[in-house]
């Protein structure tokens, strides 16, 4: 099975531009990156800890 070369990548890029338009490619890329980042966090089990909690007992 041959690898993906420059002509194939060019064809895919043209199809993406036709589907999403030139103006939305940046937005789509950003959302895709955010989704991948959140997926990796979910798979690895790394969760953000709350910065400060107001549930501390008061004396």
PDB file of N, CA and C in Angstrom:
ATOM      1  N   UNK A   1       0.845  -1.166   0.000  1.00  0.00           N
ATOM      2  CA  UNK A   1       0.000   0.000   0.000  1.00  0.00           C
ATOM      3  C   UNK A   1       0.900   1.240   0.000  1.00  0.00           C
ATOM      4  N   UNK A   2       0.801   2.072  -1.005  1.00  0.00           N
ATOM      5  CA  UNK A   2       1.665   3.248  -1.085  1.00  0.00           C
ATOM      6  C   UNK A   2       1.276   4.302  -0.058  1.00  0.00           C
ATOM      7  N   UNK A   3       2.236   5.154   0.287  1.00  0.00           N
ATOM      8  CA  UNK A   3       1.996   6.222   1.251  1.00  0.00           C
ATOM      9  C   UNK A   3       1.243   7.377   0.617  1.00  0.00           C
ATOM     10  N   UNK A   4       0.863   8.311   1.443  1.00  0.00           N
ATOM     11  CA  UNK A   4       0.161   9.497   0.958  1.00  0.00           C
ATOM     12  C   UNK A   4       1.205  10.509   0.507  1.00  0.00           C
ATOM     13  N   UNK A   5       1.087  10.958  -0.709  1.00  0.00           N
ATOM     14  CA  UNK A   5       2.036  11.910  -1.270  1.00  0.00           C
ATOM     15  C   UNK A   5       1.433  13.298  -1.393  1.00  0.00           C
ATOM     16  N   UNK A   6       2.185  14.176  -2.017  1.00  0.00           N
ATOM     17  CA  UNK A   6       1.764  15.563  -2.186  1.00  0.00           C
ATOM     18  C   UNK A   6       0.487  15.699  -3.032  1.00  0.00           C
ATOM     19  N   UNK A   7       0.347  14.951  -4.129  1.00  0.00           N
ATOM     20  CA  UNK A   7      -0.885  15.107  -4.918  1.00  0.00           C
ATOM     21  C   UNK A   7      -2.147  14.731  -4.132  1.00  0.00           C
ATOM     22  N   UNK A   8      -2.041  13.686  -3.328  1.00  0.00           N
ATOM     23  CA  UNK A   8      -3.208  13.268  -2.543  1.00  0.00           C
ATOM     24  C   UNK A   8      -3.559  14.312  -1.492  1.00  0.00           C
ATOM     25  N   UNK A   9      -2.544  14.865  -0.830  1.00  0.00           N
ATOM     26  CA  UNK A   9      -2.787  15.902   0.171  1.00  0.00           C
ATOM     27  C   UNK A   9      -3.390  17.154  -0.462  1.00  0.00           C
ATOM     28  N   UNK A  10      -2.950  17.486  -1.644  1.00  0.00           N
ATOM     29  CA  UNK A  10      -3.492  18.640  -2.353  1.00  0.00           C
ATOM     30  C   UNK A  10      -4.965  18.435  -2.684  1.00  0.00           C
ATOM     31  N   UNK A  11      -5.315  17.247  -3.120  1.00  0.00           N
ATOM     32  CA  UNK A  11      -6.717  16.933  -3.430  1.00  0.00           C
ATOM     33  C   UNK A  11      -7.579  17.036  -2.177  1.00  0.00           C
ATOM     34  N   UNK A  12      -7.091  16.499  -1.056  1.00  0.00           N
ATOM     35  CA  UNK A  12      -7.841  16.572   0.202  1.00  0.00           C
ATOM     36  C   UNK A  12      -8.011  18.032   0.623  1.00  0.00           C
ATOM     37  N   UNK A  13      -6.967  18.846   0.498  1.00  0.00           N
ATOM     38  CA  UNK A  13      -7.041  20.259   0.854  1.00  0.00           C
ATOM     39  C   UNK A  13      -8.080  20.993   0.001  1.00  0.00           C
ATOM     40  N   UNK A  14      -8.115  20.720  -1.280  1.00  0.00           N
ATOM     41  CA  UNK A  14      -9.091  21.359  -2.166  1.00  0.00           C
ATOM     42  C   UNK A  14     -10.511  20.966  -1.764  1.00  0.00           C
ATOM     43  N   UNK A  15     -10.723  19.704  -1.433  1.00  0.00           N
ATOM     44  CA  UNK A  15     -12.050  19.252  -1.019  1.00  0.00           C
ATOM     45  C   UNK A  15     -12.462  19.927   0.284  1.00  0.00           C
ATOM     46  N   UNK A  16     -11.543  20.058   1.232  1.00  0.00           N
ATOM     47  CA  UNK A  16     -11.844  20.723   2.506  1.00  0.00           C
ATOM     48  C   UNK A  16     -12.198  22.186   2.279  1.00  0.00           C
ATOM     49  N   UNK A  17     -11.473  22.851   1.390  1.00  0.00           N
ATOM     50  CA  UNK A  17     -11.773  24.251   1.089  1.00  0.00           C
ATOM     51  C   UNK A  17     -13.144  24.377   0.451  1.00  0.00           C
ATOM     52  N   UNK A  18     -13.499  23.452  -0.419  1.00  0.00           N
ATOM     53  CA  UNK A  18     -14.818  23.488  -1.062  1.00  0.00           C
ATOM     54  C   UNK A  18     -15.925  23.279  -0.032  1.00  0.00           C
ATOM     55  N   UNK A  19     -15.726  22.349   0.887  1.00  0.00           N
ATOM     56  CA  UNK A  19     -16.766  22.030   1.870  1.00  0.00           C
ATOM     57  C   UNK A  19     -16.917  23.138   2.915  1.00  0.00           C
ATOM     58  N   UNK A  20     -15.813  23.580   3.522  1.00  0.00           N
ATOM     59  CA  UNK A  20     -15.891  24.514   4.632  1.00  0.00           C
ATOM     60  C   UNK A  20     -15.705  25.969   4.230  1.00  0.00           C
ATOM     61  N   UNK A  21     -15.075  26.237   3.132  1.00  0.00           N
ATOM     62  CA  UNK A  21     -14.803  27.608   2.732  1.00  0.00           C
ATOM     63  C   UNK A  21     -13.500  28.089   3.344  1.00  0.00           C
ATOM     64  N   UNK A  22     -12.915  29.100   2.748  1.00  0.00           N
ATOM     65  CA  UNK A  22     -11.617  29.588   3.173  1.00  0.00           C
ATOM     66  C   UNK A  22     -11.686  30.223   4.561  1.00  0.00           C
ATOM     67  N   UNK A  23     -12.742  30.944   4.858  1.00  0.00           N
ATOM     68  CA  UNK A  23     -12.851  31.669   6.118  1.00  0.00           C
ATOM     69  C   UNK A  23     -13.030  30.791   7.339  1.00  0.00           C
ATOM     70  N   UNK A  24     -13.592  29.606   7.167  1.00  0.00           N
ATOM     71  CA  UNK A  24     -13.898  28.752   8.318  1.00  0.00           C
ATOM     72  C   UNK A  24     -12.844  27.695   8.600  1.00  0.00           C
ATOM     73  N   UNK A  25     -11.819  27.586   7.785  1.00  0.00           N
ATOM     74  CA  UNK A  25     -10.816  26.538   7.980  1.00  0.00           C
ATOM     75  C   UNK A  25     -10.094  26.718   9.314  1.00  0.00           C
ATOM     76  N   UNK A  26      -9.757  27.947   9.679  1.00  0.00           N
ATOM     77  CA  UNK A  26      -9.091  28.200  10.953  1.00  0.00           C
ATOM     78  C   UNK A  26      -9.961  27.820  12.136  1.00  0.00           C
ATOM     79  N   UNK A  27     -11.226  28.159  12.061  1.00  0.00           N
ATOM     80  CA  UNK A  27     -12.161  27.841  13.147  1.00  0.00           C
ATOM     81  C   UNK A  27     -12.335  26.327  13.278  1.00  0.00           C
ATOM     82  N   UNK A  28     -12.456  25.649  12.170  1.00  0.00           N
ATOM     83  CA  UNK A  28     -12.601  24.190  12.190  1.00  0.00           C
ATOM     84  C   UNK A  28     -11.351  23.541  12.770  1.00  0.00           C
ATOM     85  N   UNK A  29     -10.180  24.023  12.398  1.00  0.00           N
ATOM     86  CA  UNK A  29      -8.931  23.485  12.935  1.00  0.00           C
ATOM     87  C   UNK A  29      -8.817  23.691  14.435  1.00  0.00           C
ATOM     88  N   UNK A  30      -9.214  24.873  14.904  1.00  0.00           N
ATOM     89  CA  UNK A  30      -9.164  25.163  16.332  1.00  0.00           C
ATOM     90  C   UNK A  30     -10.106  24.243  17.107  1.00  0.00           C
ATOM     91  N   UNK A  31     -11.320  24.061  16.608  1.00  0.00           N
ATOM     92  CA  UNK A  31     -12.285  23.189  17.279  1.00  0.00           C
ATOM     93  C   UNK A  31     -11.825  21.740  17.260  1.00  0.00           C
ATOM     94  N   UNK A  32     -11.209  21.332  16.185  1.00  0.00           N
ATOM     95  CA  UNK A  32     -10.689  19.968  16.102  1.00  0.00           C
ATOM     96  C   UNK A  32      -9.561  19.761  17.113  1.00  0.00           C
ATOM     97  N   UNK A  33      -8.677  20.727  17.223  1.00  0.00           N
ATOM     98  CA  UNK A  33      -7.597  20.643  18.203  1.00  0.00           C
ATOM     99  C   UNK A  33      -8.109  20.606  19.631  1.00  0.00           C
ATOM    100  N   UNK A  34      -9.117  21.421  19.931  1.00  0.00           N
ATOM    101  CA  UNK A  34      -9.713  21.422  21.265  1.00  0.00           C
ATOM    102  C   UNK A  34     -10.366  20.088  21.566  1.00  0.00           C
ATOM    103  N   UNK A  35     -11.046  19.533  20.600  1.00  0.00           N
ATOM    104  CA  UNK A  35     -11.688  18.232  20.797  1.00  0.00           C
ATOM    105  C   UNK A  35     -10.687  17.114  21.043  1.00  0.00           C
ATOM    106  N   UNK A  36      -9.604  17.117  20.297  1.00  0.00           N
ATOM    107  CA  UNK A  36      -8.564  16.101  20.482  1.00  0.00           C
ATOM    108  C   UNK A  36      -7.920  16.243  21.857  1.00  0.00           C
ATOM    109  N   UNK A  37      -7.671  17.485  22.272  1.00  0.00           N
ATOM    110  CA  UNK A  37      -7.064  17.738  23.589  1.00  0.00           C
ATOM    111  C   UNK A  37      -7.978  17.227  24.708  1.00  0.00           C
ATOM    112  N   UNK A  38      -9.272  17.513  24.626  1.00  0.00           N
ATOM    113  CA  UNK A  38     -10.217  17.050  25.641  1.00  0.00           C
ATOM    114  C   UNK A  38     -10.334  15.531  25.639  1.00  0.00           C
ATOM    115  N   UNK A  39     -10.284  14.933  24.474  1.00  0.00           N
ATOM    116  CA  UNK A  39     -10.349  13.475  24.374  1.00  0.00           C
ATOM    117  C   UNK A  39      -9.149  12.844  25.063  1.00  0.00           C
ATOM    118  N   UNK A  40      -7.966  13.390  24.825  1.00  0.00           N
ATOM    119  CA  UNK A  40      -6.756  12.854  25.458  1.00  0.00           C
ATOM    120  C   UNK A  40      -6.818  12.995  26.974  1.00  0.00           C
ATOM    121  N   UNK A  41      -7.336  14.123  27.456  1.00  0.00           N
ATOM    122  CA  UNK A  41      -7.479  14.307  28.901  1.00  0.00           C
ATOM    123  C   UNK A  41      -8.440  13.280  29.476  1.00  0.00           C
ATOM    124  N   UNK A  42      -9.521  13.011  28.774  1.00  0.00           N
ATOM    125  CA  UNK A  42     -10.499  12.047  29.245  1.00  0.00           C
ATOM    126  C   UNK A  42      -9.962  10.630  29.249  1.00  0.00           C
ATOM    127  N   UNK A  43      -9.192  10.277  28.256  1.00  0.00           N
ATOM    128  CA  UNK A  43      -8.648   8.926  28.167  1.00  0.00           C
ATOM    129  C   UNK A  43      -7.572   8.700  29.220  1.00  0.00           C
ATOM    130  N   UNK A  44      -6.722   9.697  29.434  1.00  0.00           N
ATOM    131  CA  UNK A  44      -5.623   9.529  30.383  1.00  0.00           C
ATOM    132  C   UNK A  44      -6.092   9.652  31.827  1.00  0.00           C
ATOM    133  N   UNK A  45      -7.260  10.211  32.059  1.00  0.00           N
ATOM    134  CA  UNK A  45      -7.780  10.347  33.407  1.00  0.00           C
ATOM    135  C   UNK A  45      -7.282  11.579  34.117  1.00  0.00           C
ATOM    136  N   UNK A  46      -6.564  12.445  33.434  1.00  0.00           N
ATOM    137  CA  UNK A  46      -6.102  13.684  34.050  1.00  0.00           C
ATOM    138  C   UNK A  46      -7.257  14.667  34.084  1.00  0.00           C
ATOM    139  N   UNK A  47      -7.683  14.993  35.283  1.00  0.00           N
ATOM    140  CA  UNK A  47      -8.755  15.964  35.433  1.00  0.00           C
ATOM    141  C   UNK A  47      -8.206  17.181  36.143  1.00  0.00           C
ATOM    142  N   UNK A  48      -8.724  18.323  35.765  1.00  0.00           N
ATOM    143  CA  UNK A  48      -8.289  19.543  36.412  1.00  0.00           C
ATOM    144  C   UNK A  48      -8.871  19.592  37.817  1.00  0.00           C
ATOM    145  N   UNK A  49      -8.041  19.961  38.770  1.00  0.00           N
ATOM    146  CA  UNK A  49      -8.507  20.079  40.142  1.00  0.00           C
ATOM    147  C   UNK A  49      -9.102  21.463  40.330  1.00  0.00           C
ATOM    148  N   UNK A  50     -10.147  21.572  41.134  1.00  0.00           N
ATOM    149  CA  UNK A  50     -10.731  22.896  41.365  1.00  0.00           C
ATOM    150  C   UNK A  50      -9.722  23.820  42.026  1.00  0.00           C
ATOM    151  N   UNK A  51      -9.697  25.053  41.595  1.00  0.00           N
ATOM    152  CA  UNK A  51      -8.707  26.015  42.085  1.00  0.00           C
ATOM    153  C   UNK A  51      -8.944  26.351  43.553  1.00  0.00           C
ATOM    154  N   UNK A  52     -10.147  26.716  43.903  1.00  0.00           N
ATOM    155  CA  UNK A  52     -10.461  27.066  45.289  1.00  0.00           C
ATOM    156  C   UNK A  52     -11.859  26.579  45.602  1.00  0.00           C
ATOM    157  N   UNK A  53     -12.037  26.111  46.802  1.00  0.00           N
ATOM    158  CA  UNK A  53     -13.340  25.596  47.196  1.00  0.00           C
ATOM    159  C   UNK A  53     -13.896  26.457  48.310  1.00  0.00           C
ATOM    160  N   UNK A  54     -15.155  26.819  48.208  1.00  0.00           N
ATOM    161  CA  UNK A  54     -15.827  27.607  49.233  1.00  0.00           C
ATOM    162  C   UNK A  54     -16.490  26.725  50.272  1.00  0.00           C
ATOM    163  N   UNK A  55     -16.311  25.407  50.188  1.00  0.00           N
ATOM    164  CA  UNK A  55     -16.949  24.482  51.096  1.00  0.00           C
ATOM    165  C   UNK A  55     -16.107  24.200  52.334  1.00  0.00           C
ATOM    166  N   UNK A  56     -15.127  25.030  52.637  1.00  0.00           N
ATOM    167  CA  UNK A  56     -14.280  24.824  53.799  1.00  0.00           C
ATOM    168  C   UNK A  56     -15.082  25.082  55.070  1.00  0.00           C
ATOM    169  N   UNK A  57     -14.891  24.244  56.089  1.00  0.00           N
ATOM    170  CA  UNK A  57     -15.616  24.483  57.334  1.00  0.00           C
ATOM    171  C   UNK A  57     -15.113  25.754  58.015  1.00  0.00           C
ATOM    172  N   UNK A  58     -16.037  26.531  58.485  1.00  0.00           N
ATOM    173  CA  UNK A  58     -15.675  27.771  59.160  1.00  0.00           C
ATOM    174  C   UNK A  58     -15.705  27.548  60.670  1.00  0.00           C
ATOM    175  N   UNK A  59     -14.719  28.100  61.355  1.00  0.00           N
ATOM    176  CA  UNK A  59     -14.662  27.907  62.800  1.00  0.00           C
ATOM    177  C   UNK A  59     -15.053  29.160  63.546  1.00  0.00           C
TER     178      UNK A  59
END
